[in-house]
PDB file of all heavy atoms in Angstrom:
ATOM      1  N   ALA A   1     203.306 210.290 160.958  1.00  0.00           N
ATOM      2  CA  ALA A   1     204.439 209.817 161.714  1.00  0.00           C
ATOM      3  C   ALA A   1     205.344 210.924 162.233  1.00  0.00           C
ATOM      4  O   ALA A   1     205.837 210.924 163.357  1.00  0.00           O
ATOM      5  CB  ALA A   1     205.272 208.793 160.835  1.00  0.00           C
ATOM      6  N   LEU A   2     205.560 211.910 161.407  1.00  0.00           N
ATOM      7  CA  LEU A   2     206.423 213.054 161.824  1.00  0.00           C
ATOM      8  C   LEU A   2     205.779 213.797 162.935  1.00  0.00           C
ATOM      9  O   LEU A   2     206.451 214.230 164.008  1.00  0.00           O
ATOM     10  CB  LEU A   2     206.537 213.976 160.688  1.00  0.00           C
ATOM     11  CG  LEU A   2     207.416 213.454 159.466  1.00  0.00           C
ATOM     12  CD1 LEU A   2     207.331 214.478 158.305  1.00  0.00           C
ATOM     13  CD2 LEU A   2     208.863 213.463 159.923  1.00  0.00           C
ATOM     14  N   LEU A   3     204.455 213.919 162.980  1.00  0.00           N
ATOM     15  CA  LEU A   3     203.739 214.607 164.099  1.00  0.00           C
ATOM     16  C   LEU A   3     203.780 213.808 165.409  1.00  0.00           C
ATOM     17  O   LEU A   3     203.545 214.349 166.509  1.00  0.00           O
ATOM     18  CB  LEU A   3     202.300 214.869 163.697  1.00  0.00           C
ATOM     19  CG  LEU A   3     202.138 215.920 162.517  1.00  0.00           C
ATOM     20  CD1 LEU A   3     200.685 215.996 162.191  1.00  0.00           C
ATOM     21  CD2 LEU A   3     202.589 217.216 162.977  1.00  0.00           C
ATOM     22  N   CYS A   4     204.076 212.504 165.310  1.00  0.00           N
ATOM     23  CA  CYS A   4     204.239 211.712 166.535  1.00  0.00           C
ATOM     24  C   CYS A   4     205.475 212.122 167.238  1.00  0.00           C
ATOM     25  O   CYS A   4     205.516 211.936 168.485  1.00  0.00           O
ATOM     26  CB  CYS A   4     204.295 210.245 166.125  1.00  0.00           C
ATOM     27  SG  CYS A   4     202.744 209.485 165.574  1.00  0.00           S
ATOM     28  N   HIS A   5     206.463 212.709 166.570  1.00  0.00           N
ATOM     29  CA  HIS A   5     207.613 213.220 167.222  1.00  0.00           C
ATOM     30  C   HIS A   5     207.441 214.670 167.604  1.00  0.00           C
ATOM     31  O   HIS A   5     208.207 215.549 167.267  1.00  0.00           O
ATOM     32  CB  HIS A   5     208.813 213.019 166.270  1.00  0.00           C
ATOM     33  CG  HIS A   5     209.191 211.554 166.026  1.00  0.00           C
ATOM     34  ND1 HIS A   5     209.876 210.743 166.967  1.00  0.00           N
ATOM     35  CD2 HIS A   5     208.934 210.790 165.059  1.00  0.00           C
ATOM     36  CE1 HIS A   5     209.969 209.532 166.498  1.00  0.00           C
ATOM     37  NE2 HIS A   5     209.443 209.514 165.338  1.00  0.00           N
ATOM     38  N   ALA A   6     206.460 214.917 168.403  1.00  0.00           N
ATOM     39  CA  ALA A   6     205.995 216.279 168.746  1.00  0.00           C
ATOM     40  C   ALA A   6     207.182 216.997 169.535  1.00  0.00           C
ATOM     41  O   ALA A   6     207.372 218.295 169.296  1.00  0.00           O
ATOM     42  CB  ALA A   6     204.845 216.310 169.602  1.00  0.00           C
ATOM     43  N   SER A   7     207.997 216.321 170.307  1.00  0.00           N
ATOM     44  CA  SER A   7     209.035 217.026 171.102  1.00  0.00           C
ATOM     45  C   SER A   7     210.117 217.519 170.238  1.00  0.00           C
ATOM     46  O   SER A   7     210.870 218.433 170.580  1.00  0.00           O
ATOM     47  CB  SER A   7     209.697 216.071 172.089  1.00  0.00           C
ATOM     48  OG  SER A   7     210.378 215.005 171.535  1.00  0.00           O
ATOM     49  N   GLN A   8     210.195 217.051 168.953  1.00  0.00           N
ATOM     50  CA  GLN A   8     211.265 217.489 168.032  1.00  0.00           C
ATOM     51  C   GLN A   8     210.786 218.638 167.041  1.00  0.00           C
ATOM     52  O   GLN A   8     211.502 219.147 166.296  1.00  0.00           O
ATOM     53  CB  GLN A   8     211.692 216.325 167.202  1.00  0.00           C
ATOM     54  CG  GLN A   8     212.264 215.194 168.035  1.00  0.00           C
ATOM     55  CD  GLN A   8     213.235 215.652 169.092  1.00  0.00           C
ATOM     56  OE1 GLN A   8     214.323 216.047 168.753  1.00  0.00           O
ATOM     57  NE2 GLN A   8     212.869 215.491 170.335  1.00  0.00           N
ATOM     58  N   GLN A   9     209.540 218.984 167.188  1.00  0.00           N
ATOM     59  CA  GLN A   9     208.923 220.172 166.406  1.00  0.00           C
ATOM     60  C   GLN A   9     209.243 220.017 165.029  1.00  0.00           C
ATOM     61  O   GLN A   9     209.724 220.945 164.329  1.00  0.00           O
ATOM     62  CB  GLN A   9     209.444 221.441 166.978  1.00  0.00           C
ATOM     63  CG  GLN A   9     209.133 221.602 168.529  1.00  0.00           C
ATOM     64  CD  GLN A   9     209.684 222.966 168.999  1.00  0.00           C
ATOM     65  OE1 GLN A   9     209.740 223.973 168.279  1.00  0.00           O
ATOM     66  NE2 GLN A   9     210.002 223.083 170.285  1.00  0.00           N
ATOM     67  N   VAL A  10     208.869 218.805 164.435  1.00  0.00           N
ATOM     68  CA  VAL A  10     209.122 218.597 162.981  1.00  0.00           C
ATOM     69  C   VAL A  10     207.782 219.091 162.230  1.00  0.00           C
ATOM     70  O   VAL A  10     206.764 218.477 162.343  1.00  0.00           O
ATOM     71  CB  VAL A  10     209.242 217.058 162.700  1.00  0.00           C
ATOM     72  CG1 VAL A  10     209.478 216.807 161.214  1.00  0.00           C
ATOM     73  CG2 VAL A  10     210.543 216.522 163.516  1.00  0.00           C
ATOM     74  N   HIS A  11     207.981 220.180 161.531  1.00  0.00           N
ATOM     75  CA  HIS A  11     206.896 220.772 160.959  1.00  0.00           C
ATOM     76  C   HIS A  11     207.161 221.155 159.438  1.00  0.00           C
ATOM     77  O   HIS A  11     208.403 220.989 159.107  1.00  0.00           O
ATOM     78  CB  HIS A  11     206.469 222.097 161.636  1.00  0.00           C
ATOM     79  CG  HIS A  11     206.074 221.859 163.082  1.00  0.00           C
ATOM     80  ND1 HIS A  11     204.965 221.099 163.529  1.00  0.00           N
ATOM     81  CD2 HIS A  11     206.607 222.373 164.201  1.00  0.00           C
ATOM     82  CE1 HIS A  11     204.937 221.071 164.791  1.00  0.00           C
ATOM     83  NE2 HIS A  11     205.895 221.861 165.254  1.00  0.00           N
ATOM     84  N   GLY A  12     206.180 221.626 158.747  1.00  0.00           N
ATOM     85  CA  GLY A  12     206.399 222.141 157.361  1.00  0.00           C
ATOM     86  C   GLY A  12     206.374 221.014 156.304  1.00  0.00           C
ATOM     87  O   GLY A  12     206.217 219.821 156.648  1.00  0.00           O
ATOM     88  N   PRO A  13     206.530 221.396 155.046  1.00  0.00           N
ATOM     89  CA  PRO A  13     206.419 220.459 153.939  1.00  0.00           C
ATOM     90  C   PRO A  13     207.598 219.559 153.884  1.00  0.00           C
ATOM     91  O   PRO A  13     208.725 219.836 154.436  1.00  0.00           O
ATOM     92  CB  PRO A  13     206.301 221.413 152.771  1.00  0.00           C
ATOM     93  CG  PRO A  13     207.092 222.568 153.168  1.00  0.00           C
ATOM     94  CD  PRO A  13     206.751 222.794 154.577  1.00  0.00           C
ATOM     95  N   PHE A  14     207.455 218.424 153.172  1.00  0.00           N
ATOM     96  CA  PHE A  14     208.568 217.554 152.860  1.00  0.00           C
ATOM     97  C   PHE A  14     208.387 217.043 151.448  1.00  0.00           C
ATOM     98  O   PHE A  14     207.373 217.142 150.874  1.00  0.00           O
ATOM     99  CB  PHE A  14     208.576 216.424 153.840  1.00  0.00           C
ATOM    100  CG  PHE A  14     207.271 215.597 153.951  1.00  0.00           C
ATOM    101  CD1 PHE A  14     206.912 214.602 153.086  1.00  0.00           C
ATOM    102  CD2 PHE A  14     206.300 215.865 154.904  1.00  0.00           C
ATOM    103  CE1 PHE A  14     205.803 213.883 153.131  1.00  0.00           C
ATOM    104  CE2 PHE A  14     205.078 215.227 155.026  1.00  0.00           C
ATOM    105  CZ  PHE A  14     204.800 214.260 154.062  1.00  0.00           C
ATOM    106  N   ALA A  15     209.629 216.596 150.961  1.00  0.00           N
ATOM    107  CA  ALA A  15     209.596 216.102 149.588  1.00  0.00           C
ATOM    108  C   ALA A  15     208.741 214.852 149.417  1.00  0.00           C
ATOM    109  O   ALA A  15     208.641 213.975 150.264  1.00  0.00           O
ATOM    110  CB  ALA A  15     210.973 215.792 149.095  1.00  0.00           C
ATOM    111  N   LEU A  16     208.119 214.775 148.272  1.00  0.00           N
ATOM    112  CA  LEU A  16     207.305 213.679 147.900  1.00  0.00           C
ATOM    113  C   LEU A  16     208.046 212.550 147.131  1.00  0.00           C
ATOM    114  O   LEU A  16     207.411 211.579 146.673  1.00  0.00           O
ATOM    115  CB  LEU A  16     206.007 214.057 147.087  1.00  0.00           C
ATOM    116  CG  LEU A  16     205.112 214.989 147.911  1.00  0.00           C
ATOM    117  CD1 LEU A  16     203.869 215.363 146.998  1.00  0.00           C
ATOM    118  CD2 LEU A  16     204.564 214.409 149.152  1.00  0.00           C
ATOM    119  N   LEU A  17     209.407 212.733 147.027  1.00  0.00           N
ATOM    120  CA  LEU A  17     210.202 211.822 146.408  1.00  0.00           C
ATOM    121  C   LEU A  17     211.339 211.581 147.431  1.00  0.00           C
ATOM    122  O   LEU A  17     211.885 212.493 147.993  1.00  0.00           O
ATOM    123  CB  LEU A  17     210.865 212.298 145.110  1.00  0.00           C
ATOM    124  CG  LEU A  17     209.907 212.547 143.977  1.00  0.00           C
ATOM    125  CD1 LEU A  17     210.620 213.124 142.776  1.00  0.00           C
ATOM    126  CD2 LEU A  17     209.147 211.306 143.503  1.00  0.00           C
ATOM    127  N   GLU A  18     211.633 210.301 147.701  1.00  0.00           N
ATOM    128  CA  GLU A  18     212.763 209.950 148.550  1.00  0.00           C
ATOM    129  C   GLU A  18     213.806 209.288 147.603  1.00  0.00           C
ATOM    130  O   GLU A  18     213.551 208.452 146.839  1.00  0.00           O
ATOM    131  CB  GLU A  18     212.399 208.941 149.657  1.00  0.00           C
ATOM    132  CG  GLU A  18     211.526 209.582 150.731  1.00  0.00           C
ATOM    133  CD  GLU A  18     211.199 208.617 151.846  1.00  0.00           C
ATOM    134  OE1 GLU A  18     211.553 207.489 151.775  1.00  0.00           O
ATOM    135  OE2 GLU A  18     210.558 209.079 152.841  1.00  0.00           O
ATOM    136  N   HIS A  19     215.043 209.847 147.854  1.00  0.00           N
ATOM    137  CA  HIS A  19     216.220 209.445 147.021  1.00  0.00           C
ATOM    138  C   HIS A  19     217.156 208.500 147.814  1.00  0.00           C
ATOM    139  O   HIS A  19     217.362 208.761 149.019  1.00  0.00           O
ATOM    140  CB  HIS A  19     216.925 210.655 146.484  1.00  0.00           C
ATOM    141  CG  HIS A  19     216.102 211.561 145.653  1.00  0.00           C
ATOM    142  ND1 HIS A  19     215.773 211.264 144.352  1.00  0.00           N
ATOM    143  CD2 HIS A  19     215.532 212.743 145.932  1.00  0.00           C
ATOM    144  CE1 HIS A  19     215.035 212.248 143.892  1.00  0.00           C
ATOM    145  NE2 HIS A  19     214.863 213.179 144.742  1.00  0.00           N
ATOM    146  N   TYR A  20     217.715 207.535 147.158  1.00  0.00           N
ATOM    147  CA  TYR A  20     218.535 206.598 147.800  1.00  0.00           C
ATOM    148  C   TYR A  20     219.768 206.333 146.844  1.00  0.00           C
ATOM    149  O   TYR A  20     219.652 206.279 145.620  1.00  0.00           O
ATOM    150  CB  TYR A  20     217.844 205.293 148.052  1.00  0.00           C
ATOM    151  CG  TYR A  20     216.789 205.418 149.112  1.00  0.00           C
ATOM    152  CD1 TYR A  20     215.466 205.802 148.692  1.00  0.00           C
ATOM    153  CD2 TYR A  20     216.973 205.242 150.455  1.00  0.00           C
ATOM    154  CE1 TYR A  20     214.480 205.954 149.652  1.00  0.00           C
ATOM    155  CE2 TYR A  20     216.007 205.418 151.315  1.00  0.00           C
ATOM    156  CZ  TYR A  20     214.727 205.776 150.970  1.00  0.00           C
ATOM    157  OH  TYR A  20     213.741 205.917 151.882  1.00  0.00           O
ATOM    158  N   PHE A  21     220.888 206.127 147.442  1.00  0.00           N
ATOM    159  CA  PHE A  21     222.122 205.675 146.757  1.00  0.00           C
ATOM    160  C   PHE A  21     222.341 204.216 147.008  1.00  0.00           C
ATOM    161  O   PHE A  21     222.327 203.765 148.215  1.00  0.00           O
ATOM    162  CB  PHE A  21     223.330 206.432 147.250  1.00  0.00           C
ATOM    163  CG  PHE A  21     224.649 205.940 146.746  1.00  0.00           C
ATOM    164  CD1 PHE A  21     225.081 206.127 145.515  1.00  0.00           C
ATOM    165  CD2 PHE A  21     225.473 205.195 147.633  1.00  0.00           C
ATOM    166  CE1 PHE A  21     226.246 205.631 145.027  1.00  0.00           C
ATOM    167  CE2 PHE A  21     226.692 204.705 147.223  1.00  0.00           C
ATOM    168  CZ  PHE A  21     227.067 204.923 145.974  1.00  0.00           C
ATOM    169  N   ARG A  22     222.467 203.375 145.937  1.00  0.00           N
ATOM    170  CA  ARG A  22     222.632 201.920 146.079  1.00  0.00           C
ATOM    171  C   ARG A  22     224.038 201.666 146.373  1.00  0.00           C
ATOM    172  O   ARG A  22     224.933 201.678 145.481  1.00  0.00           O
ATOM    173  CB  ARG A  22     222.148 201.286 144.783  1.00  0.00           C
ATOM    174  CG  ARG A  22     221.933 199.805 145.049  1.00  0.00           C
ATOM    175  CD  ARG A  22     221.134 199.149 143.809  1.00  0.00           C
ATOM    176  NE  ARG A  22     222.085 199.023 142.682  1.00  0.00           N
ATOM    177  CZ  ARG A  22     221.721 198.623 141.475  1.00  0.00           C
ATOM    178  NH1 ARG A  22     220.405 198.413 141.190  1.00  0.00           N
ATOM    179  NH2 ARG A  22     222.619 198.517 140.480  1.00  0.00           N
ATOM    180  N   ALA A  23     224.362 201.354 147.645  1.00  0.00           N
ATOM    181  CA  ALA A  23     225.741 201.170 148.079  1.00  0.00           C
ATOM    182  C   ALA A  23     226.204 199.710 147.861  1.00  0.00           C
ATOM    183  O   ALA A  23     227.441 199.512 147.569  1.00  0.00           O
ATOM    184  CB  ALA A  23     225.883 201.493 149.631  1.00  0.00           C
ATOM    185  N   LEU A  24     225.360 198.761 147.890  1.00  0.00           N
ATOM    186  CA  LEU A  24     225.699 197.345 147.758  1.00  0.00           C
ATOM    187  C   LEU A  24     224.567 196.688 146.927  1.00  0.00           C
ATOM    188  O   LEU A  24     223.382 196.967 147.151  1.00  0.00           O
ATOM    189  CB  LEU A  24     225.978 196.563 149.006  1.00  0.00           C
ATOM    190  CG  LEU A  24     227.044 197.132 149.923  1.00  0.00           C
ATOM    191  CD1 LEU A  24     226.993 196.437 151.317  1.00  0.00           C
ATOM    192  CD2 LEU A  24     228.448 196.896 149.254  1.00  0.00           C
ATOM    193  N   ASP A  25     224.933 195.779 146.000  1.00  0.00           N
ATOM    194  CA  ASP A  25     223.912 195.101 145.196  1.00  0.00           C
ATOM    195  C   ASP A  25     224.378 193.809 144.673  1.00  0.00           C
ATOM    196  O   ASP A  25     225.527 193.666 144.280  1.00  0.00           O
ATOM    197  CB  ASP A  25     223.519 196.029 144.000  1.00  0.00           C
ATOM    198  CG  ASP A  25     222.660 195.335 143.040  1.00  0.00           C
ATOM    199  OD1 ASP A  25     221.541 195.044 143.411  1.00  0.00           O
ATOM    200  OD2 ASP A  25     223.069 195.192 141.871  1.00  0.00           O
ATOM    201  N   THR A  26     223.536 192.754 144.712  1.00  0.00           N
ATOM    202  CA  THR A  26     223.887 191.496 144.107  1.00  0.00           C
ATOM    203  C   THR A  26     222.906 191.201 142.957  1.00  0.00           C
ATOM    204  O   THR A  26     223.030 190.130 142.294  1.00  0.00           O
ATOM    205  CB  THR A  26     223.776 190.351 145.095  1.00  0.00           C
ATOM    206  OG1 THR A  26     222.437 190.303 145.603  1.00  0.00           O
ATOM    207  CG2 THR A  26     224.701 190.618 146.252  1.00  0.00           C
ATOM    208  N   THR A  27     221.879 192.037 142.666  1.00  0.00           N
ATOM    209  CA  THR A  27     220.881 191.657 141.616  1.00  0.00           C
ATOM    210  C   THR A  27     221.407 192.024 140.238  1.00  0.00           C
ATOM    211  O   THR A  27     220.907 191.374 139.266  1.00  0.00           O
ATOM    212  CB  THR A  27     219.582 192.515 141.926  1.00  0.00           C
ATOM    213  OG1 THR A  27     219.815 193.838 141.633  1.00  0.00           O
ATOM    214  CG2 THR A  27     219.108 192.247 143.308  1.00  0.00           C
ATOM    215  N   GLY A  28     222.243 193.047 140.091  1.00  0.00           N
ATOM    216  CA  GLY A  28     222.596 193.472 138.771  1.00  0.00           C
ATOM    217  C   GLY A  28     221.624 194.227 137.994  1.00  0.00           C
ATOM    218  O   GLY A  28     221.783 194.533 136.807  1.00  0.00           O
TER     219      GLY A  28
END
């Protein structure tokens, strides 16, 4: 997917973990 954005020259390694902050939640 990153290589599909060829005009942006997105190259190199990337993290194998994606981190998120839970801003809103109703599940508890």
